[in-house]
Amino acid sequence: QVQLVESGGGLVQAGGSLRLSCRRSRRIVGFYTMGWYRQAPGNQREMVATITSNGTTNYGDSVLGRFTISRDDDVDTVYLQMNNLKSEDTGIYYCQYHNNWGQGTQVTVSS
């Protein structure tokens, strides 16, 4: 079992930036994939970005070119840099590793 703790959410104006962090409770040995997902009110949870332990990344179409996922295994943390935020990016952002999920962090983008 791995605990995940997200941070970095908040209120930002459209066009602004935020950086989310997801800290793992322990080191993961070997290959892994971690991801950021989000859920807006009334919508299903959707994939935002994923990253593997060898650095391969994947992005949802709506965030491609605006968001960047990265990792720092020295501090067991995955980041999500979000630039040029839009009102439709509003939602709760969750960190994920296998069947482990964080508690989520709220991102609100005002237009």
Protein backbone atom coordinates (compact mmCIF):
# COMPACT_ATOMS: atom_id res chain seq x y z
CA GLN A 1 0.00 0.00 0.00
CA VAL A 2 1.24 3.45 -0.91
CA GLN A 3 -0.20 6.65 0.53
CA LEU A 4 -0.34 9.64 -1.78
CA VAL A 5 -0.66 13.24 -0.64
CA GLU A 6 -1.43 16.00 -3.12
CA SER A 7 -0.79 19.68 -2.61
CA GLY A 8 -0.60 22.89 -4.60
CA GLY A 9 -4.18 23.46 -5.63
CA GLY A 10 -5.91 26.79 -5.30
CA LEU A 11 -7.75 29.61 -7.01
CA VAL A 12 -6.16 31.18 -10.08
CA GLN A 13 -7.30 33.43 -12.89
CA ALA A 14 -7.59 32.13 -16.43
CA GLY A 15 -4.21 32.21 -18.11
CA GLY A 16 -2.40 31.66 -14.85
CA SER A 17 -0.30 28.74 -13.61
CA LEU A 18 -0.21 26.28 -10.75
CA ARG A 19 2.09 23.44 -9.81
CA LEU A 20 0.66 20.38 -8.10
CA SER A 21 2.75 17.95 -6.08
CA CYS A 22 2.09 14.34 -5.13
CA ARG A 23 4.27 12.86 -2.42
CA ARG A 24 4.43 9.07 -2.02
CA SER A 25 4.75 7.46 1.40
CA ARG A 26 7.54 5.16 0.26
CA ARG A 27 10.04 4.49 -2.48
CA ILE A 28 8.82 2.37 -5.40
CA VAL A 29 11.36 -0.16 -6.58
CA GLY A 30 11.30 -1.09 -10.23
CA PHE A 31 9.13 0.08 -13.08
CA TYR A 32 6.07 2.16 -12.22
CA THR A 33 3.46 4.40 -13.73
CA MET A 34 1.85 7.27 -11.84
CA GLY A 35 -0.81 9.60 -12.99
CA TRP A 36 -2.83 12.75 -12.40
CA TYR A 37 -6.57 12.60 -12.90
CA ARG A 38 -9.26 15.20 -12.41
CA GLN A 39 -12.97 15.31 -11.81
CA ALA A 40 -15.26 18.26 -12.36
CA PRO A 41 -18.74 18.41 -10.80
CA GLY A 42 -21.12 16.21 -12.74
CA ASN A 43 -18.35 14.72 -14.84
CA GLN A 44 -16.50 11.44 -14.76
CA ARG A 45 -12.92 11.29 -13.59
CA GLU A 46 -10.57 11.76 -16.52
CA MET A 47 -6.88 11.17 -17.10
CA VAL A 48 -4.80 14.34 -17.21
CA ALA A 49 -1.26 12.97 -17.47
CA THR A 50 0.80 9.91 -16.65
CA ILE A 51 4.50 9.28 -16.25
CA THR A 52 6.56 6.11 -15.99
CA SER A 53 9.71 5.50 -14.01
CA ASN A 54 11.76 5.76 -17.19
CA GLY A 55 10.25 9.13 -18.02
CA THR A 56 7.68 8.26 -20.64
CA THR A 57 4.75 10.68 -20.47
CA ASN A 58 1.21 10.71 -21.77
CA TYR A 59 -1.34 13.54 -21.75
CA GLY A 60 -5.02 14.02 -22.19
CA ASP A 61 -5.92 15.88 -25.37
CA SER A 62 -7.36 18.86 -23.51
CA VAL A 63 -4.12 19.61 -21.64
CA LEU A 64 -1.53 18.75 -24.28
CA GLY A 65 0.91 21.61 -24.70
CA ARG A 66 -0.20 23.35 -21.49
CA PHE A 67 0.52 20.83 -18.71
CA THR A 68 3.77 19.03 -17.92
CA ILE A 69 4.14 16.01 -15.65
CA SER A 70 7.49 15.27 -14.06
CA ARG A 71 8.96 13.21 -11.25
CA ASP A 72 11.71 13.42 -8.68
CA ASP A 73 12.38 9.97 -7.30
CA ASP A 74 14.87 11.35 -4.77
CA VAL A 75 11.93 12.87 -2.89
CA ASP A 76 9.29 10.35 -4.04
CA THR A 77 7.26 13.09 -5.68
CA VAL A 78 5.41 13.56 -8.95
CA TYR A 79 4.55 17.06 -10.16
CA LEU A 80 2.04 18.57 -12.52
CA GLN A 81 2.93 21.99 -13.91
CA MET A 82 -0.19 23.62 -15.28
CA ASN A 83 0.15 26.68 -17.50
CA ASN A 84 -2.36 28.79 -19.42
CA LEU A 85 -5.14 27.50 -17.21
CA LYS A 86 -8.71 27.66 -18.48
CA SER A 87 -12.02 27.63 -16.64
CA GLU A 88 -12.65 24.11 -17.91
CA ASP A 89 -9.57 22.94 -15.97
CA THR A 90 -11.51 23.49 -12.73
CA GLY A 91 -11.94 20.34 -10.69
CA ILE A 92 -10.46 18.11 -8.05
CA TYR A 93 -7.09 16.74 -9.08
CA TYR A 94 -6.09 13.30 -7.86
CA CYS A 95 -2.77 11.50 -7.85
CA GLN A 96 -2.82 7.80 -8.66
CA TYR A 97 -0.53 4.79 -8.37
CA HIS A 98 -2.07 1.39 -9.19
CA ASN A 99 -5.23 1.24 -7.04
CA ASN A 100 -3.97 3.90 -4.64
CA TRP A 101 -5.44 7.41 -4.81
CA GLY A 102 -4.72 10.58 -2.95
CA GLN A 103 -7.38 12.69 -1.26
CA GLY A 104 -7.38 15.21 -4.08
CA THR A 105 -6.60 18.91 -4.31
CA GLN A 106 -9.05 21.52 -5.59
CA VAL A 107 -8.14 23.65 -8.59
CA THR A 108 -10.44 26.53 -9.42
CA VAL A 109 -9.85 28.71 -12.48
CA SER A 110 -11.83 31.93 -12.65
CA SER A 111 -12.64 33.45 -16.01
